[in-house]
Every structure is written in structure tokens, then in C-alpha cells.
Amino acid sequence: MDGIFTFLFSTRAGLAVLFFGGIVIIGIIAFVTEKRTHQMYVDRGPASEDEDGWIL
């Protein structure tokens, strides 16, 4: 176990593994949360003419 920590935090290759692994993990989390959001908020198409987007 000590060898793994030494590799990850003491070498350039280990730091690269941590960096790119973090990017992959964040990408997976973003993909999953985007899928959930897309299912919750469905696109309802273009707005009708009487909907100008302003709340009065």
C-alpha cells in the first residue's frame, strides 16, 4: 500500500494518473447528472406567440 501512495504522490506519472483519473470521474458524474436533469425537464418545443418570456 505504501508503494501505491509513493507512486501516486511522489512521481510525475502518478500525479498524471491522479489528474486524468479525476477528469474522467468528473466527466462521468456530469454525464449522469445531465441525463437525470434531461429526464426531469423535458423540452416542450418552441414557445407560442403569446409567450414573450417576460413575467408581468
Protein backbone atom coordinates (compact mmCIF):
# COMPACT_ATOMS: atom_id res chain seq x y z
CA MET A 1 0.00 0.00 0.00
CA ASP A 2 2.87 2.35 0.78
CA GLY A 3 4.23 1.76 -2.72
CA ILE A 4 0.97 2.86 -4.31
CA PHE A 5 0.86 6.12 -2.32
CA THR A 6 4.52 6.76 -3.11
CA PHE A 7 3.87 6.24 -6.81
CA LEU A 8 0.73 8.42 -6.89
CA PHE A 9 2.02 11.37 -4.89
CA SER A 10 5.79 11.32 -5.49
CA THR A 11 6.19 10.74 -9.23
CA ARG A 12 5.12 12.69 -12.29
CA ALA A 13 3.41 9.64 -13.75
CA GLY A 14 1.45 9.14 -10.53
CA LEU A 15 0.31 12.75 -10.50
CA ALA A 16 -0.72 12.41 -14.14
CA VAL A 17 -2.79 9.34 -13.22
CA LEU A 18 -4.50 11.28 -10.42
CA PHE A 19 -5.13 14.28 -12.68
CA PHE A 20 -6.59 12.39 -15.64
CA GLY A 21 -8.47 10.00 -13.35
CA GLY A 22 -10.11 13.00 -11.70
CA ILE A 23 -11.12 14.39 -15.09
CA VAL A 24 -12.67 11.05 -16.05
CA ILE A 25 -14.57 10.76 -12.76
CA ILE A 26 -15.92 14.32 -13.02
CA GLY A 27 -16.93 13.65 -16.64
CA ILE A 28 -18.86 10.53 -15.62
CA ILE A 29 -20.61 12.40 -12.80
CA ALA A 30 -21.53 15.26 -15.15
CA PHE A 31 -22.88 12.81 -17.74
CA VAL A 32 -25.07 11.03 -15.17
CA THR A 33 -26.45 14.23 -13.66
CA GLU A 34 -27.14 15.67 -17.13
CA LYS A 35 -29.14 12.57 -18.03
CA ARG A 36 -31.22 12.90 -14.85
CA THR A 37 -31.80 16.61 -15.50
CA HIS A 38 -32.80 15.94 -19.11
CA GLN A 39 -35.37 13.38 -17.95
CA MET A 40 -36.81 15.77 -15.34
CA TYR A 41 -37.06 18.85 -17.57
CA VAL A 42 -38.40 17.79 -20.96
CA ASP A 43 -38.12 20.20 -23.89
CA ARG A 44 -41.62 21.40 -24.71
CA GLY A 45 -40.80 22.82 -28.13
CA PRO A 46 -40.87 26.43 -29.29
CA ALA A 47 -42.87 29.00 -27.33
CA SER A 48 -46.21 30.15 -28.69
CA GLU A 49 -46.69 33.70 -29.94
CA ASP A 50 -48.43 34.87 -26.77
CA GLU A 51 -45.46 33.80 -24.64
CA ASP A 52 -42.83 36.50 -24.88
CA GLY A 53 -40.80 35.29 -21.92
CA TRP A 54 -41.48 38.29 -19.69
CA ILE A 55 -43.28 37.94 -16.42
CA LEU A 56 -45.57 40.91 -15.84
